Amino acid sequence: MTGVRTCRILFVDDEQSILDGLANSLRRHRRTWDMVFANGGRDAIAQLQSGSFDLIVSDMRMPGMDGAELMAWAKRHHPGAIRFVLSGQSASDSAERVMPLVHQYLSKPCDTAQLVGILERTWRFAGVITDCRIRDAIGRLDALPTDRPTLDGVVDALTPLPGDTRVASQRVAHSVALSAMALQLANSDYFGSGSPITSIAQAVQMIGAPRLSARVASMTVDDEQGTDAPGGLPADYFGRRAVVRATLAERFCADPAMRDAAYSAALLLRVGRAVLVRASHPRYVEAVRLKERERCRLFEAERQLFGVDNASVGAHLLGMWGLPATIVGAVAAQDGCDERPDHRELAAIVHAADVFSHTGAEAAGCDESMLDRGRVERAGLADRIPEWQRITAGALAGLGTDLSLEEAR
């Protein structure tokens, strides 16, 4: 990945000794990060009013203006800045209050090496987004919009048996928006699992029925569901097609340990396109027309018009929300960009599932013309292609046109 800007970070705490210690421990990053240290919320706002920042890292418990109030102000006035809060009150009401306002919730104590790793991973994808409108659109998102029937279906599944999340998990796993939300919460330090959560069912179980119901009730309803989306994307682009792609990716995995990550990554694969459509409409229509006029791929048209494609935008969004590196890396590696050895196999499987879900849904058999065989070969999976074709034919026949909840997984 090229073109990453210098990262400007605002660190906020009400104890000067903590700020001094943090500044000293981060000295070796001065050449790659432009760091400012603010003493308390009021000083932080003064800094934000005098210049823009890419990342804000704030303590939660501060006198005068606490972390939640600061993050609410930053969200309104600097939506493009990625917001982190550090708190030692993981079980308190204050944690519940601040979580909708921040992109990542980090528990104290958080040692310097851990904090640096989190910031570096987040900035790796965020740094390539140079268009302020796109960055602001991403930063404003609390969650991806979804439709009312999906939200109501999850709540209805939790109502009769609040302790049983199995049906709710199935319904969440069929929604791009709800799956992203569940994985974001489950991977937060609020739950303190200590290991990345890639399974949507496990995420729902960790969150629990009461908190899941409350979170679902606060999500935005997308009034455009059921109609053609701006820019020519079909209404079910992030619905049935995403679930078919995720189901195929899960079944393509020979390693059972990889299946949860494959399903989640494939389901969330095109969230960046949803963001681009919303952030740039009606300009996104130009990308569709450019694709048709020059007979290029849509991601190539995106790069020409916006300087970035949907894979990079999606990786930025999911990385900002703290989803596991395996999922973020697989999304980032699509469309011929940012392929890393540690994500190569999963990225190739997700790519193949994306191709076969498209061609297989429209014609008998699977057209390999859109398959990047070089990517599949580098992952050592070229001999699996015939098997993937058989899996696709069988899966599409079994799923049928309605793609019922029970059949999809």
Protein backbone atom coordinates (compact mmCIF):
# COMPACT_ATOMS: atom_id res chain seq x y z
CA MET A 1 0.00 0.00 0.00
CA THR A 2 1.42 3.36 -1.00
CA GLY A 3 0.62 7.00 -0.42
CA VAL A 4 0.04 6.86 3.34
CA ARG A 5 0.17 10.37 4.85
CA THR A 6 1.93 11.42 8.03
CA CYS A 7 -0.42 10.73 10.90
CA ARG A 8 -1.39 13.58 13.25
CA ILE A 9 -2.48 12.33 16.69
CA LEU A 10 -3.99 14.19 19.65
CA PHE A 11 -3.43 12.55 23.05
CA VAL A 12 -5.64 13.79 25.89
CA ASP A 13 -5.32 13.29 29.65
CA ASP A 14 -5.90 15.50 32.68
CA GLU A 15 -2.67 14.39 34.39
CA GLN A 16 0.42 16.10 33.00
CA SER A 17 2.70 13.38 34.36
CA ILE A 18 0.86 10.79 32.26
CA LEU A 19 1.15 12.97 29.16
CA ASP A 20 4.87 13.51 29.80
CA GLY A 21 5.42 9.79 30.23
CA LEU A 22 3.49 9.03 27.07
CA ALA A 23 5.43 11.64 25.10
CA ASN A 24 8.70 10.17 26.31
CA SER A 25 7.73 6.58 25.49
CA LEU A 26 6.61 7.61 21.98
CA ARG A 27 9.73 9.62 21.12
CA ARG A 28 10.90 7.10 18.53
CA HIS A 29 7.68 7.70 16.53
CA ARG A 30 8.26 11.44 16.12
CA ARG A 31 9.46 11.01 12.54
CA THR A 32 6.32 9.16 11.46
CA TRP A 33 3.69 10.72 13.73
CA ASP A 34 2.92 14.37 14.40
CA MET A 35 1.88 14.17 18.07
CA VAL A 36 0.18 16.80 20.24
CA PHE A 37 -0.52 16.31 23.97
CA ALA A 38 -3.52 18.13 25.49
CA ASN A 39 -4.09 18.56 29.22
CA GLY A 40 -7.80 17.87 29.64
CA GLY A 41 -10.88 18.21 27.47
CA ARG A 42 -10.89 22.00 27.16
CA ASP A 43 -7.28 22.06 25.99
CA ALA A 44 -8.13 19.28 23.51
CA ILE A 45 -10.95 21.33 22.00
CA ALA A 46 -8.63 24.32 21.67
CA GLN A 47 -6.16 22.11 19.78
CA LEU A 48 -8.92 20.75 17.54
CA GLN A 49 -10.14 24.26 16.77
CA SER A 50 -6.64 25.31 15.71
CA GLY A 51 -5.96 22.37 13.40
CA SER A 52 -7.12 18.98 12.18
CA PHE A 53 -6.11 15.60 13.58
CA ASP A 54 -6.33 12.10 12.18
CA LEU A 55 -6.57 10.22 15.48
CA ILE A 56 -7.75 11.29 18.95
CA VAL A 57 -6.77 9.20 21.97
CA SER A 58 -8.40 10.37 25.19
CA ASP A 59 -8.70 9.29 28.78
CA MET A 60 -12.29 8.80 29.87
CA ARG A 61 -12.36 10.08 33.43
CA MET A 62 -11.36 13.76 33.44
CA PRO A 63 -12.72 16.72 35.48
CA GLY A 64 -14.64 19.50 33.79
CA MET A 65 -15.11 17.72 30.44
CA ASP A 66 -14.80 13.95 30.43
CA GLY A 67 -13.90 11.70 27.52
CA ALA A 68 -17.51 11.13 26.47
CA GLU A 69 -18.22 14.87 26.21
CA LEU A 70 -15.00 15.43 24.27
CA MET A 71 -15.77 12.60 21.86
CA ALA A 72 -19.30 13.87 21.29
CA TRP A 73 -17.87 17.30 20.41
CA ALA A 74 -15.22 15.77 18.13
CA LYS A 75 -17.80 13.62 16.38
CA ARG A 76 -19.87 16.71 15.54
CA HIS A 77 -17.04 19.01 14.52
CA HIS A 78 -14.26 16.65 13.32
CA PRO A 79 -16.02 13.49 12.13
CA GLY A 80 -13.06 12.36 10.04
CA ALA A 81 -10.83 11.94 13.10
CA ILE A 82 -10.69 8.36 14.42
CA ARG A 83 -11.73 8.39 18.08
CA PHE A 84 -10.25 6.16 20.80
CA VAL A 85 -11.06 6.32 24.50
CA LEU A 86 -9.05 4.78 27.33
CA SER A 87 -10.98 3.80 30.42
CA GLY A 88 -10.49 1.69 33.52
CA GLN A 89 -14.22 1.54 34.09
CA SER A 90 -15.14 -1.32 31.80
CA ALA A 91 -18.22 -2.30 33.78
CA SER A 92 -19.52 1.18 34.52
CA ASP A 93 -22.31 3.27 33.06
CA SER A 94 -19.71 5.66 31.68
CA ALA A 95 -18.39 2.94 29.40
CA GLU A 96 -21.88 2.34 27.98
CA ARG A 97 -22.25 6.09 27.50
CA VAL A 98 -19.04 6.58 25.54
CA MET A 99 -19.07 3.50 23.32
CA PRO A 100 -21.53 4.91 20.70
CA LEU A 101 -19.30 7.99 20.40
CA VAL A 102 -15.97 6.27 19.73
CA HIS A 103 -14.56 3.95 17.13
CA GLN A 104 -12.54 1.87 19.59
CA TYR A 105 -12.81 1.44 23.35
CA LEU A 106 -9.51 0.55 25.04
CA SER A 107 -9.14 -0.61 28.62
CA LYS A 108 -6.64 0.82 31.06
CA PRO A 109 -3.94 0.00 31.72
CA CYS A 110 -2.90 -0.09 28.07
CA ASP A 111 0.86 -0.37 27.72
CA THR A 112 2.73 1.65 25.11
CA ALA A 113 3.53 -1.29 22.84
CA GLN A 114 -0.12 -2.35 22.73
CA LEU A 115 -1.31 1.20 22.05
CA VAL A 116 1.27 1.71 19.30
CA GLY A 117 0.23 -1.54 17.63
CA ILE A 118 -3.44 -0.52 17.64
CA LEU A 119 -2.72 2.94 16.24
CA GLU A 120 -0.38 1.60 13.55
CA ARG A 121 -2.89 -1.03 12.41
CA THR A 122 -5.67 1.52 12.28
CA TRP A 123 -3.64 4.15 10.43
CA ARG A 124 -2.28 1.67 7.91
CA PHE A 125 -5.61 1.70 6.07
CA ALA A 126 -6.93 5.10 7.14
CA GLY A 127 -3.86 6.90 5.82
CA VAL A 128 -4.65 6.25 2.17
CA ILE A 129 -8.00 8.06 2.31
CA THR A 130 -7.23 11.62 1.22
CA ASP A 131 -10.71 12.83 0.25
CA CYS A 132 -12.10 14.71 3.27
CA ARG A 133 -15.69 14.00 2.27
CA ILE A 134 -15.06 10.27 2.28
CA ARG A 135 -13.13 10.42 5.55
CA ASP A 136 -15.91 12.41 7.20
CA ALA A 137 -18.57 10.01 5.90
CA ILE A 138 -16.67 7.06 7.35
CA GLY A 139 -16.07 8.81 10.66
CA ARG A 140 -19.74 9.70 11.11
CA LEU A 141 -20.87 6.09 10.84
CA ASP A 142 -21.91 4.53 14.15
CA ALA A 143 -23.03 1.48 12.22
CA LEU A 144 -23.99 0.60 8.67
CA PRO A 145 -27.64 1.35 7.84
CA THR A 146 -29.97 -1.61 7.51
CA ASP A 147 -33.66 -2.26 6.88
CA ARG A 148 -36.47 -2.29 9.43
CA PRO A 149 -37.52 -5.94 8.87
CA THR A 150 -33.98 -7.12 9.65
CA LEU A 151 -33.81 -5.12 12.86
CA ASP A 152 -37.27 -6.23 13.94
CA GLY A 153 -36.43 -9.84 13.15
CA VAL A 154 -33.47 -9.84 15.52
CA VAL A 155 -35.48 -8.21 18.32
CA ASP A 156 -38.34 -10.69 17.79
CA ALA A 157 -35.89 -13.59 17.98
CA LEU A 158 -34.60 -12.37 21.35
CA THR A 159 -37.96 -11.57 22.92
CA PRO A 160 -39.42 -15.06 23.67
CA LEU A 161 -36.19 -16.54 25.04
CA PRO A 162 -33.79 -13.74 26.00
CA GLY A 163 -31.10 -16.22 27.03
CA ASP A 164 -31.16 -18.09 23.71
CA THR A 165 -29.28 -16.21 20.98
CA ARG A 166 -29.16 -18.96 18.35
CA VAL A 167 -31.94 -17.66 16.08
CA ALA A 168 -30.77 -14.08 16.59
CA SER A 169 -27.24 -15.16 15.60
CA GLN A 170 -28.54 -16.63 12.36
CA ARG A 171 -30.37 -13.43 11.53
CA VAL A 172 -27.39 -11.25 12.43
CA ALA A 173 -25.19 -13.43 10.21
CA HIS A 174 -27.45 -12.60 7.27
CA SER A 175 -27.05 -8.85 7.71
CA VAL A 176 -23.91 -6.98 6.72
CA ALA A 177 -24.75 -4.12 9.08
CA LEU A 178 -25.60 -6.24 12.11
CA SER A 179 -22.61 -8.54 11.64
CA ALA A 180 -20.23 -5.59 11.47
CA MET A 181 -21.81 -4.14 14.63
CA ALA A 182 -21.58 -7.43 16.52
CA LEU A 183 -17.95 -8.02 15.58
CA GLN A 184 -17.04 -4.44 16.50
CA LEU A 185 -18.56 -4.77 19.98
CA ALA A 186 -17.23 -8.26 20.65
CA ASN A 187 -13.68 -7.23 19.71
CA SER A 188 -13.80 -4.19 21.97
CA ASP A 189 -11.80 -4.17 25.21
CA TYR A 190 -15.17 -3.70 26.90
CA PHE A 191 -15.64 -7.47 26.73
CA GLY A 192 -11.99 -8.27 27.36
CA SER A 193 -11.93 -11.56 25.46
CA GLY A 194 -8.19 -11.29 24.94
CA SER A 195 -8.30 -12.87 21.48
CA PRO A 196 -9.76 -11.81 18.11
CA ILE A 197 -13.39 -12.80 17.57
CA THR A 198 -14.15 -13.74 13.95
CA SER A 199 -17.28 -15.82 14.56
CA ILE A 200 -20.53 -13.87 14.31
CA ALA A 201 -22.35 -16.41 16.48
CA GLN A 202 -19.67 -16.13 19.16
CA ALA A 203 -19.85 -12.34 18.97
CA VAL A 204 -23.62 -12.35 19.50
CA GLN A 205 -23.28 -14.73 22.43
CA MET A 206 -20.65 -12.51 24.06
CA ILE A 207 -22.74 -9.38 23.63
CA GLY A 208 -25.82 -10.99 25.12
CA ALA A 209 -29.50 -10.46 24.43
CA PRO A 210 -30.12 -7.28 26.48
CA ARG A 211 -27.18 -5.32 25.07
CA LEU A 212 -27.79 -6.64 21.54
CA SER A 213 -31.44 -5.56 21.67
CA ALA A 214 -30.47 -2.09 22.91
CA ARG A 215 -27.83 -1.70 20.22
CA VAL A 216 -30.14 -2.87 17.45
CA ALA A 217 -32.82 -0.42 18.61
CA SER A 218 -30.37 2.47 18.19
CA MET A 219 -29.31 1.59 14.64
CA THR A 220 -30.25 3.63 11.58
CA VAL A 221 -32.97 2.37 9.27
CA ASP A 222 -32.13 2.59 5.58
CA ASP A 223 -35.15 3.97 3.75
CA GLU A 224 -33.59 3.01 0.41
CA GLN A 225 -33.70 -0.74 1.10
CA GLY A 226 -35.79 -2.50 -1.50
CA THR A 227 -35.02 0.07 -4.20
CA ASP A 228 -32.13 0.50 -6.56
CA ALA A 229 -29.31 2.20 -4.68
CA PRO A 230 -27.64 5.36 -6.01
CA GLY A 231 -25.01 4.65 -8.60
CA GLY A 232 -26.71 1.66 -10.11
CA LEU A 233 -25.99 -0.89 -7.37
CA PRO A 234 -28.81 -3.45 -7.04
CA ALA A 235 -30.92 -3.33 -3.91
CA ASP A 236 -29.74 -6.76 -2.71
CA TYR A 237 -26.05 -6.06 -3.36
CA PHE A 238 -25.36 -6.13 0.35
CA GLY A 239 -28.12 -8.61 1.13
CA ARG A 240 -28.58 -11.92 -0.60
CA ARG A 241 -25.45 -11.60 -2.75
CA ALA A 242 -23.30 -10.95 0.32
CA VAL A 243 -24.70 -14.00 2.12
CA VAL A 244 -24.14 -16.23 -0.92
CA ARG A 245 -20.55 -14.98 -1.14
CA ALA A 246 -19.99 -15.56 2.58
CA THR A 247 -21.50 -19.05 2.45
CA LEU A 248 -19.24 -20.02 -0.44
CA ALA A 249 -16.13 -18.61 1.25
CA GLU A 250 -16.90 -20.62 4.38
CA ARG A 251 -17.33 -23.82 2.36
CA PHE A 252 -14.21 -23.18 0.27
CA CYS A 253 -12.02 -23.39 3.41
CA ALA A 254 -10.32 -26.73 3.90
CA ASP A 255 -9.12 -25.56 7.32
CA PRO A 256 -12.06 -25.45 9.77
CA ALA A 257 -10.21 -22.86 11.88
CA MET A 258 -10.41 -20.39 9.00
CA ARG A 259 -14.11 -20.75 8.22
CA ASP A 260 -15.47 -18.12 10.61
CA ALA A 261 -13.03 -15.49 9.35
CA ALA A 262 -13.79 -16.44 5.74
CA TYR A 263 -17.54 -16.07 6.26
CA SER A 264 -17.20 -12.73 8.04
CA ALA A 265 -14.67 -11.28 5.59
CA ALA A 266 -16.73 -12.30 2.57
CA LEU A 267 -19.95 -10.97 4.09
CA LEU A 268 -18.32 -7.58 4.81
CA LEU A 269 -16.30 -7.51 1.59
CA ARG A 270 -18.08 -4.59 -0.11
CA VAL A 271 -18.94 -2.33 2.83
CA GLY A 272 -16.53 0.19 1.31
CA ARG A 273 -18.69 0.44 -1.79
CA ALA A 274 -21.73 1.26 0.34
CA VAL A 275 -19.73 4.06 1.98
CA LEU A 276 -18.47 5.41 -1.34
CA VAL A 277 -21.98 5.45 -2.80
CA ARG A 278 -23.34 7.38 0.16
CA ALA A 279 -20.36 9.72 0.52
CA SER A 280 -20.15 10.71 -3.13
CA HIS A 281 -23.65 10.40 -4.62
CA PRO A 282 -24.50 11.65 -7.21
CA ARG A 283 -20.83 11.66 -8.23
CA TYR A 284 -20.67 7.88 -7.85
CA VAL A 285 -22.93 7.63 -10.90
CA GLU A 286 -19.92 8.92 -12.85
CA ALA A 287 -17.92 5.89 -11.74
CA VAL A 288 -20.61 3.56 -13.07
CA ARG A 289 -20.68 5.43 -16.37
CA LEU A 290 -16.88 5.43 -16.59
CA LYS A 291 -16.88 1.67 -16.05
CA GLU A 292 -19.34 1.21 -18.91
CA ARG A 293 -17.62 3.73 -21.21
CA GLU A 294 -14.08 2.41 -20.75
CA ARG A 295 -15.12 -1.20 -20.16
CA CYS A 296 -13.06 -1.37 -17.01
CA ARG A 297 -13.79 -2.85 -13.59
CA LEU A 298 -15.82 -0.75 -11.18
CA PHE A 299 -12.97 -0.60 -8.65
CA GLU A 300 -10.72 0.81 -11.40
CA ALA A 301 -13.28 3.53 -12.09
CA GLU A 302 -13.43 4.25 -8.34
CA ARG A 303 -9.67 4.75 -8.25
CA GLN A 304 -9.77 7.12 -11.19
CA LEU A 305 -12.49 9.32 -9.71
CA PHE A 306 -11.81 9.13 -5.97
CA GLY A 307 -8.15 8.14 -5.74
CA VAL A 308 -9.18 5.11 -3.73
CA ASP A 309 -11.29 1.98 -4.26
CA ASN A 310 -13.95 0.30 -2.18
CA ALA A 311 -11.55 -2.34 -0.79
CA SER A 312 -9.36 0.35 0.78
CA VAL A 313 -12.38 2.23 2.12
CA GLY A 314 -13.82 -0.97 3.57
CA ALA A 315 -10.52 -1.87 5.21
CA HIS A 316 -10.34 1.62 6.72
CA LEU A 317 -13.86 1.34 8.14
CA LEU A 318 -13.41 -2.16 9.57
CA GLY A 319 -9.92 -1.40 10.89
CA MET A 320 -11.20 1.79 12.51
CA TRP A 321 -13.86 -0.31 14.25
CA GLY A 322 -11.21 -2.69 15.59
CA LEU A 323 -12.24 -5.83 13.71
CA PRO A 324 -9.65 -8.66 13.62
CA ALA A 325 -6.66 -8.19 11.34
CA THR A 326 -7.53 -11.37 9.43
CA ILE A 327 -10.88 -9.93 8.32
CA VAL A 328 -9.54 -6.44 7.61
CA GLY A 329 -6.56 -7.83 5.70
CA ALA A 330 -8.73 -10.06 3.52
CA VAL A 331 -10.97 -7.11 2.62
CA ALA A 332 -7.99 -4.85 1.91
CA ALA A 333 -6.38 -7.45 -0.34
CA GLN A 334 -9.21 -7.51 -2.89
CA ASP A 335 -9.07 -5.95 -6.36
CA GLY A 336 -5.33 -6.43 -6.70
CA CYS A 337 -4.15 -4.21 -3.86
CA ASP A 338 -2.36 -4.62 -0.54
CA GLU A 339 -1.79 -8.35 -0.74
CA ARG A 340 0.24 -9.49 2.28
CA PRO A 341 1.61 -13.01 2.85
CA ASP A 342 -0.14 -13.38 6.22
CA HIS A 343 -3.55 -12.80 4.61
CA ARG A 344 -2.87 -14.40 1.24
CA GLU A 345 -4.81 -17.67 1.63
CA LEU A 346 -7.90 -16.11 3.17
CA ALA A 347 -7.87 -13.25 0.65
CA ALA A 348 -7.70 -15.71 -2.25
CA ILE A 349 -10.63 -17.72 -0.89
CA VAL A 350 -12.74 -14.59 -0.40
CA HIS A 351 -11.84 -13.41 -3.91
CA ALA A 352 -12.86 -16.74 -5.42
CA ALA A 353 -16.13 -16.73 -3.48
CA ASP A 354 -16.83 -13.21 -4.75
CA VAL A 355 -16.24 -14.23 -8.35
CA PHE A 356 -18.19 -17.48 -8.17
CA SER A 357 -21.11 -15.93 -6.29
CA HIS A 358 -21.48 -13.45 -9.15
CA THR A 359 -21.05 -15.72 -12.14
CA GLY A 360 -22.70 -18.75 -10.61
CA ALA A 361 -25.82 -16.81 -9.71
CA GLU A 362 -26.33 -15.68 -13.28
CA ALA A 363 -25.51 -18.74 -15.33
CA ALA A 364 -25.13 -22.46 -15.00
CA GLY A 365 -21.66 -23.32 -13.84
CA CYS A 366 -18.92 -20.89 -12.85
CA ASP A 367 -17.16 -18.54 -15.23
CA GLU A 368 -13.46 -18.26 -14.34
CA SER A 369 -12.78 -15.25 -16.56
CA MET A 370 -12.90 -12.82 -13.63
CA LEU A 371 -10.82 -15.05 -11.36
CA ASP A 372 -7.33 -13.77 -10.57
CA ARG A 373 -5.53 -17.07 -11.02
CA GLY A 374 -2.20 -15.52 -10.09
CA ARG A 375 -3.57 -14.62 -6.66
CA VAL A 376 -4.98 -18.13 -6.21
CA GLU A 377 -1.71 -19.70 -7.32
CA ARG A 378 0.37 -17.53 -4.95
CA ALA A 379 -1.83 -18.77 -2.14
CA GLY A 380 -1.12 -22.37 -3.20
CA LEU A 381 -4.79 -23.04 -3.93
CA ALA A 382 -4.91 -23.44 -7.73
CA ASP A 383 -5.70 -27.14 -7.46
CA ARG A 384 -8.81 -26.29 -5.43
CA ILE A 385 -10.57 -24.42 -8.25
CA PRO A 386 -12.44 -27.45 -9.68
CA GLU A 387 -13.62 -28.33 -6.17
CA TRP A 388 -14.77 -24.75 -5.62
CA GLN A 389 -16.78 -24.96 -8.83
CA ARG A 390 -18.51 -28.10 -7.59
CA ILE A 391 -19.18 -26.52 -4.20
CA THR A 392 -20.65 -23.44 -5.87
CA ALA A 393 -23.00 -25.43 -8.09
CA GLY A 394 -24.20 -27.50 -5.15
CA ALA A 395 -24.51 -24.56 -2.78
CA LEU A 396 -26.52 -22.41 -5.18
CA ALA A 397 -28.85 -25.28 -5.93
CA GLY A 398 -29.32 -25.92 -2.21
CA LEU A 399 -29.76 -22.31 -1.23
CA GLY A 400 -32.45 -21.63 -3.79
CA THR A 401 -33.79 -18.23 -4.66
CA ASP A 402 -35.01 -17.33 -1.17
CA LEU A 403 -31.78 -18.20 0.64
CA SER A 404 -33.54 -19.30 3.83
CA LEU A 405 -31.86 -18.68 7.16
CA GLU A 406 -31.63 -22.34 8.03
CA GLU A 407 -30.00 -23.33 4.73
CA ALA A 408 -27.45 -20.57 4.36
CA ARG A 409 -24.98 -21.66 7.03
